[in-house]
PDB file of N, CA and C in Angstrom:
ATOM      1  N   UNK A   1      66.319 199.054 124.795  1.00  0.00           N
ATOM      2  CA  UNK A   1      65.506 198.067 124.104  1.00  0.00           C
ATOM      3  C   UNK A   1      65.434 196.790 124.931  1.00  0.00           C
ATOM      4  N   UNK A   2      64.286 196.172 124.911  1.00  0.00           N
ATOM      5  CA  UNK A   2      64.075 194.931 125.663  1.00  0.00           C
ATOM      6  C   UNK A   2      64.339 193.729 124.754  1.00  0.00           C
ATOM      7  N   UNK A   3      65.225 192.865 125.194  1.00  0.00           N
ATOM      8  CA  UNK A   3      65.559 191.676 124.415  1.00  0.00           C
ATOM      9  C   UNK A   3      64.933 190.417 125.004  1.00  0.00           C
ATOM     10  N   UNK A   4      64.030 190.573 125.958  1.00  0.00           N
ATOM     11  CA  UNK A   4      63.220 189.482 126.495  1.00  0.00           C
ATOM     12  C   UNK A   4      64.047 188.342 127.107  1.00  0.00           C
ATOM     13  N   UNK A   5      65.243 188.639 127.566  1.00  0.00           N
ATOM     14  CA  UNK A   5      66.092 187.623 128.176  1.00  0.00           C
ATOM     15  C   UNK A   5      66.771 186.700 127.177  1.00  0.00           C
ATOM     16  N   UNK A   6      66.654 187.014 125.884  1.00  0.00           N
ATOM     17  CA  UNK A   6      67.263 186.178 124.852  1.00  0.00           C
ATOM     18  C   UNK A   6      68.776 186.078 125.019  1.00  0.00           C
ATOM     19  N   UNK A   7      69.400 187.190 125.417  1.00  0.00           N
ATOM     20  CA  UNK A   7      70.854 187.188 125.579  1.00  0.00           C
ATOM     21  C   UNK A   7      71.292 186.251 126.699  1.00  0.00           C
ATOM     22  N   UNK A   8      70.571 186.261 127.801  1.00  0.00           N
ATOM     23  CA  UNK A   8      70.923 185.386 128.922  1.00  0.00           C
ATOM     24  C   UNK A   8      70.637 183.922 128.608  1.00  0.00           C
ATOM     25  N   UNK A   9      69.484 183.666 128.020  1.00  0.00           N
ATOM     26  CA  UNK A   9      69.139 182.288 127.656  1.00  0.00           C
ATOM     27  C   UNK A   9      70.143 181.739 126.644  1.00  0.00           C
ATOM     28  N   UNK A  10      70.525 182.558 125.674  1.00  0.00           N
ATOM     29  CA  UNK A  10      71.493 182.145 124.660  1.00  0.00           C
ATOM     30  C   UNK A  10      72.851 181.852 125.270  1.00  0.00           C
ATOM     31  N   UNK A  11      73.271 182.685 126.193  1.00  0.00           N
ATOM     32  CA  UNK A  11      74.561 182.491 126.854  1.00  0.00           C
ATOM     33  C   UNK A  11      74.574 181.187 127.639  1.00  0.00           C
ATOM     34  N   UNK A  12      73.535 180.959 128.410  1.00  0.00           N
ATOM     35  CA  UNK A  12      73.461 179.735 129.221  1.00  0.00           C
ATOM     36  C   UNK A  12      73.432 178.496 128.337  1.00  0.00           C
ATOM     37  N   UNK A  13      72.605 178.510 127.301  1.00  0.00           N
ATOM     38  CA  UNK A  13      72.524 177.361 126.396  1.00  0.00           C
ATOM     39  C   UNK A  13      73.824 177.145 125.623  1.00  0.00           C
ATOM     40  N   UNK A  14      74.469 178.233 125.239  1.00  0.00           N
ATOM     41  CA  UNK A  14      75.747 178.121 124.532  1.00  0.00           C
ATOM     42  C   UNK A  14      76.818 177.490 125.397  1.00  0.00           C
ATOM     43  N   UNK A  15      76.901 177.905 126.642  1.00  0.00           N
ATOM     44  CA  UNK A  15      77.874 177.316 127.559  1.00  0.00           C
ATOM     45  C   UNK A  15      77.542 175.858 127.853  1.00  0.00           C
ATOM     46  N   UNK A  16      76.266 175.572 128.008  1.00  0.00           N
ATOM     47  CA  UNK A  16      75.841 174.198 128.236  1.00  0.00           C
ATOM     48  C   UNK A  16      76.184 173.312 127.032  1.00  0.00           C
ATOM     49  N   UNK A  17      76.058 173.869 125.830  1.00  0.00           N
ATOM     50  CA  UNK A  17      76.394 173.099 124.631  1.00  0.00           C
ATOM     51  C   UNK A  17      77.873 172.748 124.598  1.00  0.00           C
ATOM     52  N   UNK A  18      78.730 173.680 124.963  1.00  0.00           N
ATOM     53  CA  UNK A  18      80.172 173.415 124.998  1.00  0.00           C
ATOM     54  C   UNK A  18      80.486 172.336 126.029  1.00  0.00           C
ATOM     55  N   UNK A  19      79.864 172.435 127.183  1.00  0.00           N
ATOM     56  CA  UNK A  19      80.068 171.441 128.239  1.00  0.00           C
ATOM     57  C   UNK A  19      79.658 170.045 127.747  1.00  0.00           C
ATOM     58  N   UNK A  20      78.471 169.943 127.151  1.00  0.00           N
ATOM     59  CA  UNK A  20      77.975 168.638 126.695  1.00  0.00           C
ATOM     60  C   UNK A  20      78.828 168.069 125.570  1.00  0.00           C
ATOM     61  N   UNK A  21      79.213 168.890 124.627  1.00  0.00           N
ATOM     62  CA  UNK A  21      80.046 168.400 123.534  1.00  0.00           C
ATOM     63  C   UNK A  21      81.408 167.955 124.046  1.00  0.00           C
ATOM     64  N   UNK A  22      81.935 168.643 125.042  1.00  0.00           N
ATOM     65  CA  UNK A  22      83.188 168.239 125.657  1.00  0.00           C
ATOM     66  C   UNK A  22      83.085 166.894 126.351  1.00  0.00           C
ATOM     67  N   UNK A  23      81.877 166.541 126.762  1.00  0.00           N
ATOM     68  CA  UNK A  23      81.632 165.239 127.386  1.00  0.00           C
ATOM     69  C   UNK A  23      81.125 164.218 126.369  1.00  0.00           C
ATOM     70  N   UNK A  24      81.222 164.581 125.097  1.00  0.00           N
ATOM     71  CA  UNK A  24      80.815 163.717 123.974  1.00  0.00           C
ATOM     72  C   UNK A  24      79.343 163.331 124.049  1.00  0.00           C
ATOM     73  N   UNK A  25      78.506 164.336 124.359  1.00  0.00           N
ATOM     74  CA  UNK A  25      77.063 164.128 124.430  1.00  0.00           C
ATOM     75  C   UNK A  25      76.397 164.843 123.255  1.00  0.00           C
ATOM     76  N   UNK A  26      75.638 164.073 122.507  1.00  0.00           N
ATOM     77  CA  UNK A  26      74.972 164.583 121.306  1.00  0.00           C
ATOM     78  C   UNK A  26      74.060 165.781 121.592  1.00  0.00           C
ATOM     79  N   UNK A  27      73.449 165.821 122.749  1.00  0.00           N
ATOM     80  CA  UNK A  27      72.520 166.896 123.108  1.00  0.00           C
ATOM     81  C   UNK A  27      73.182 168.273 123.014  1.00  0.00           C
ATOM     82  N   UNK A  28      74.509 168.307 123.066  1.00  0.00           N
ATOM     83  CA  UNK A  28      75.222 169.572 122.929  1.00  0.00           C
ATOM     84  C   UNK A  28      74.913 170.272 121.619  1.00  0.00           C
ATOM     85  N   UNK A  29      74.727 169.504 120.549  1.00  0.00           N
ATOM     86  CA  UNK A  29      74.369 170.103 119.261  1.00  0.00           C
ATOM     87  C   UNK A  29      72.987 170.761 119.327  1.00  0.00           C
ATOM     88  N   UNK A  30      72.071 170.104 120.002  1.00  0.00           N
ATOM     89  CA  UNK A  30      70.714 170.654 120.136  1.00  0.00           C
ATOM     90  C   UNK A  30      70.749 171.954 120.940  1.00  0.00           C
ATOM     91  N   UNK A  31      71.484 171.948 122.053  1.00  0.00           N
ATOM     92  CA  UNK A  31      71.620 173.174 122.846  1.00  0.00           C
ATOM     93  C   UNK A  31      72.228 174.297 122.010  1.00  0.00           C
ATOM     94  N   UNK A  32      73.229 173.966 121.186  1.00  0.00           N
ATOM     95  CA  UNK A  32      73.893 174.973 120.348  1.00  0.00           C
ATOM     96  C   UNK A  32      72.932 175.540 119.320  1.00  0.00           C
ATOM     97  N   UNK A  33      72.113 174.669 118.714  1.00  0.00           N
ATOM     98  CA  UNK A  33      71.146 175.129 117.714  1.00  0.00           C
ATOM     99  C   UNK A  33      70.115 176.058 118.352  1.00  0.00           C
ATOM    100  N   UNK A  34      69.583 175.657 119.499  1.00  0.00           N
ATOM    101  CA  UNK A  34      68.591 176.498 120.186  1.00  0.00           C
ATOM    102  C   UNK A  34      69.225 177.820 120.626  1.00  0.00           C
ATOM    103  N   UNK A  35      70.440 177.765 121.160  1.00  0.00           N
ATOM    104  CA  UNK A  35      71.135 178.994 121.562  1.00  0.00           C
ATOM    105  C   UNK A  35      71.308 179.921 120.373  1.00  0.00           C
ATOM    106  N   UNK A  36      71.683 179.363 119.239  1.00  0.00           N
ATOM    107  CA  UNK A  36      71.895 180.185 118.049  1.00  0.00           C
ATOM    108  C   UNK A  36      70.587 180.736 117.493  1.00  0.00           C
ATOM    109  N   UNK A  37      69.498 179.983 117.631  1.00  0.00           N
ATOM    110  CA  UNK A  37      68.194 180.524 117.239  1.00  0.00           C
ATOM    111  C   UNK A  37      67.833 181.731 118.108  1.00  0.00           C
ATOM    112  N   UNK A  38      68.111 181.617 119.415  1.00  0.00           N
ATOM    113  CA  UNK A  38      67.865 182.753 120.309  1.00  0.00           C
ATOM    114  C   UNK A  38      68.770 183.928 119.955  1.00  0.00           C
ATOM    115  N   UNK A  39      70.066 183.643 119.685  1.00  0.00           N
ATOM    116  CA  UNK A  39      70.987 184.711 119.297  1.00  0.00           C
ATOM    117  C   UNK A  39      70.560 185.350 117.977  1.00  0.00           C
ATOM    118  N   UNK A  40      70.050 184.543 117.053  1.00  0.00           N
ATOM    119  CA  UNK A  40      69.568 185.052 115.774  1.00  0.00           C
ATOM    120  C   UNK A  40      68.410 186.016 115.999  1.00  0.00           C
ATOM    121  N   UNK A  41      67.480 185.620 116.855  1.00  0.00           N
ATOM    122  CA  UNK A  41      66.351 186.494 117.186  1.00  0.00           C
ATOM    123  C   UNK A  41      66.846 187.778 117.843  1.00  0.00           C
ATOM    124  N   UNK A  42      67.801 187.644 118.762  1.00  0.00           N
ATOM    125  CA  UNK A  42      68.412 188.805 119.413  1.00  0.00           C
ATOM    126  C   UNK A  42      69.027 189.737 118.369  1.00  0.00           C
ATOM    127  N   UNK A  43      69.766 189.153 117.415  1.00  0.00           N
ATOM    128  CA  UNK A  43      70.433 189.953 116.385  1.00  0.00           C
ATOM    129  C   UNK A  43      69.421 190.688 115.501  1.00  0.00           C
ATOM    130  N   UNK A  44      68.311 190.043 115.221  1.00  0.00           N
ATOM    131  CA  UNK A  44      67.262 190.698 114.435  1.00  0.00           C
ATOM    132  C   UNK A  44      66.681 191.867 115.217  1.00  0.00           C
ATOM    133  N   UNK A  45      66.383 191.656 116.497  1.00  0.00           N
ATOM    134  CA  UNK A  45      65.843 192.736 117.334  1.00  0.00           C
ATOM    135  C   UNK A  45      66.833 193.889 117.482  1.00  0.00           C
ATOM    136  N   UNK A  46      68.117 193.551 117.595  1.00  0.00           N
ATOM    137  CA  UNK A  46      69.155 194.569 117.767  1.00  0.00           C
ATOM    138  C   UNK A  46      69.605 195.159 116.427  1.00  0.00           C
ATOM    139  N   UNK A  47      69.091 194.611 115.337  1.00  0.00           N
ATOM    140  CA  UNK A  47      69.412 195.071 113.987  1.00  0.00           C
ATOM    141  C   UNK A  47      70.918 195.014 113.707  1.00  0.00           C
ATOM    142  N   UNK A  48      71.498 193.844 113.956  1.00  0.00           N
ATOM    143  CA  UNK A  48      72.915 193.622 113.682  1.00  0.00           C
ATOM    144  C   UNK A  48      73.059 192.550 112.600  1.00  0.00           C
ATOM    145  N   UNK A  49      73.258 192.964 111.364  1.00  0.00           N
ATOM    146  CA  UNK A  49      73.361 192.014 110.258  1.00  0.00           C
ATOM    147  C   UNK A  49      74.461 190.967 110.454  1.00  0.00           C
ATOM    148  N   UNK A  50      75.585 191.354 111.015  1.00  0.00           N
ATOM    149  CA  UNK A  50      76.671 190.392 111.241  1.00  0.00           C
ATOM    150  C   UNK A  50      76.229 189.297 112.208  1.00  0.00           C
ATOM    151  N   UNK A  51      75.461 189.650 113.215  1.00  0.00           N
ATOM    152  CA  UNK A  51      74.943 188.664 114.165  1.00  0.00           C
ATOM    153  C   UNK A  51      73.978 187.696 113.501  1.00  0.00           C
ATOM    154  N   UNK A  52      73.170 188.200 112.587  1.00  0.00           N
ATOM    155  CA  UNK A  52      72.235 187.345 111.851  1.00  0.00           C
ATOM    156  C   UNK A  52      73.008 186.339 111.006  1.00  0.00           C
ATOM    157  N   UNK A  53      73.984 186.834 110.250  1.00  0.00           N
ATOM    158  CA  UNK A  53      74.773 185.959 109.376  1.00  0.00           C
ATOM    159  C   UNK A  53      75.550 184.934 110.197  1.00  0.00           C
ATOM    160  N   UNK A  54      76.221 185.381 111.255  1.00  0.00           N
ATOM    161  CA  UNK A  54      77.039 184.489 112.075  1.00  0.00           C
ATOM    162  C   UNK A  54      76.208 183.374 112.692  1.00  0.00           C
ATOM    163  N   UNK A  55      75.065 183.720 113.243  1.00  0.00           N
ATOM    164  CA  UNK A  55      74.254 182.708 113.916  1.00  0.00           C
ATOM    165  C   UNK A  55      73.529 181.802 112.941  1.00  0.00           C
ATOM    166  N   UNK A  56      73.171 182.303 111.779  1.00  0.00           N
ATOM    167  CA  UNK A  56      72.615 181.430 110.742  1.00  0.00           C
ATOM    168  C   UNK A  56      73.668 180.396 110.337  1.00  0.00           C
ATOM    169  N   UNK A  57      74.917 180.835 110.203  1.00  0.00           N
ATOM    170  CA  UNK A  57      76.007 179.919 109.851  1.00  0.00           C
ATOM    171  C   UNK A  57      76.229 178.882 110.946  1.00  0.00           C
ATOM    172  N   UNK A  58      76.185 179.299 112.199  1.00  0.00           N
ATOM    173  CA  UNK A  58      76.376 178.360 113.312  1.00  0.00           C
ATOM    174  C   UNK A  58      75.263 177.311 113.322  1.00  0.00           C
ATOM    175  N   UNK A  59      74.056 177.713 113.021  1.00  0.00           N
ATOM    176  CA  UNK A  59      72.936 176.771 112.973  1.00  0.00           C
ATOM    177  C   UNK A  59      73.180 175.719 111.887  1.00  0.00           C
ATOM    178  N   UNK A  60      73.570 176.176 110.697  1.00  0.00           N
ATOM    179  CA  UNK A  60      73.844 175.240 109.594  1.00  0.00           C
ATOM    180  C   UNK A  60      74.991 174.296 109.958  1.00  0.00           C
ATOM    181  N   UNK A  61      76.071 174.840 110.520  1.00  0.00           N
ATOM    182  CA  UNK A  61      77.210 174.008 110.915  1.00  0.00           C
ATOM    183  C   UNK A  61      76.847 173.017 112.012  1.00  0.00           C
ATOM    184  N   UNK A  62      76.008 173.432 112.935  1.00  0.00           N
ATOM    185  CA  UNK A  62      75.591 172.540 114.023  1.00  0.00           C
ATOM    186  C   UNK A  62      74.707 171.415 113.505  1.00  0.00           C
ATOM    187  N   UNK A  63      73.820 171.726 112.577  1.00  0.00           N
ATOM    188  CA  UNK A  63      72.981 170.682 111.986  1.00  0.00           C
ATOM    189  C   UNK A  63      73.850 169.692 111.221  1.00  0.00           C
ATOM    190  N   UNK A  64      74.829 170.199 110.477  1.00  0.00           N
ATOM    191  CA  UNK A  64      75.759 169.330 109.757  1.00  0.00           C
ATOM    192  C   UNK A  64      76.535 168.451 110.731  1.00  0.00           C
ATOM    193  N   UNK A  65      77.034 169.034 111.803  1.00  0.00           N
ATOM    194  CA  UNK A  65      77.766 168.270 112.820  1.00  0.00           C
ATOM    195  C   UNK A  65      76.910 167.204 113.462  1.00  0.00           C
ATOM    196  N   UNK A  66      75.662 167.537 113.743  1.00  0.00           N
ATOM    197  CA  UNK A  66      74.740 166.578 114.354  1.00  0.00           C
ATOM    198  C   UNK A  66      74.478 165.403 113.408  1.00  0.00           C
ATOM    199  N   UNK A  67      74.265 165.707 112.138  1.00  0.00           N
ATOM    200  CA  UNK A  67      74.040 164.629 111.156  1.00  0.00           C
ATOM    201  C   UNK A  67      75.254 163.717 111.052  1.00  0.00           C
ATOM    202  N   UNK A  68      76.436 164.296 111.003  1.00  0.00           N
ATOM    203  CA  UNK A  68      77.655 163.489 110.925  1.00  0.00           C
ATOM    204  C   UNK A  68      77.856 162.666 112.194  1.00  0.00           C
ATOM    205  N   UNK A  69      77.538 163.239 113.328  1.00  0.00           N
ATOM    206  CA  UNK A  69      77.651 162.534 114.607  1.00  0.00           C
ATOM    207  C   UNK A  69      76.772 161.285 114.586  1.00  0.00           C
ATOM    208  N   UNK A  70      75.544 161.481 114.102  1.00  0.00           N
ATOM    209  CA  UNK A  70      74.570 160.376 114.097  1.00  0.00           C
ATOM    210  C   UNK A  70      74.919 159.276 113.098  1.00  0.00           C
ATOM    211  N   UNK A  71      75.593 159.638 112.012  1.00  0.00           N
ATOM    212  CA  UNK A  71      75.954 158.629 111.001  1.00  0.00           C
ATOM    213  C   UNK A  71      77.326 158.040 111.255  1.00  0.00           C
ATOM    214  N   UNK A  72      78.036 158.570 112.238  1.00  0.00           N
ATOM    215  CA  UNK A  72      79.345 158.027 112.599  1.00  0.00           C
ATOM    216  C   UNK A  72      80.486 158.485 111.714  1.00  0.00           C
ATOM    217  N   UNK A  73      80.280 159.540 110.960  1.00  0.00           N
ATOM    218  CA  UNK A  73      81.358 160.059 110.102  1.00  0.00           C
ATOM    219  C   UNK A  73      82.454 160.706 110.914  1.00  0.00           C
TER     220      UNK A  73
END
């Protein structure tokens, strides 16, 4: 099955998000959200329900983290 490079793009963005967050850069949350959207699409194509649930949760947690970051909580 062809995953259109979603797995590679997701991996690169996920690693970049960890790097940026480790450097206390807000953009890391954005990279994580985009990576998880790609992983979510990958999981749908691969028909893996656990991947769909996990990445949906990561997206929600990342949005929550980004909001808290911006408000200084």
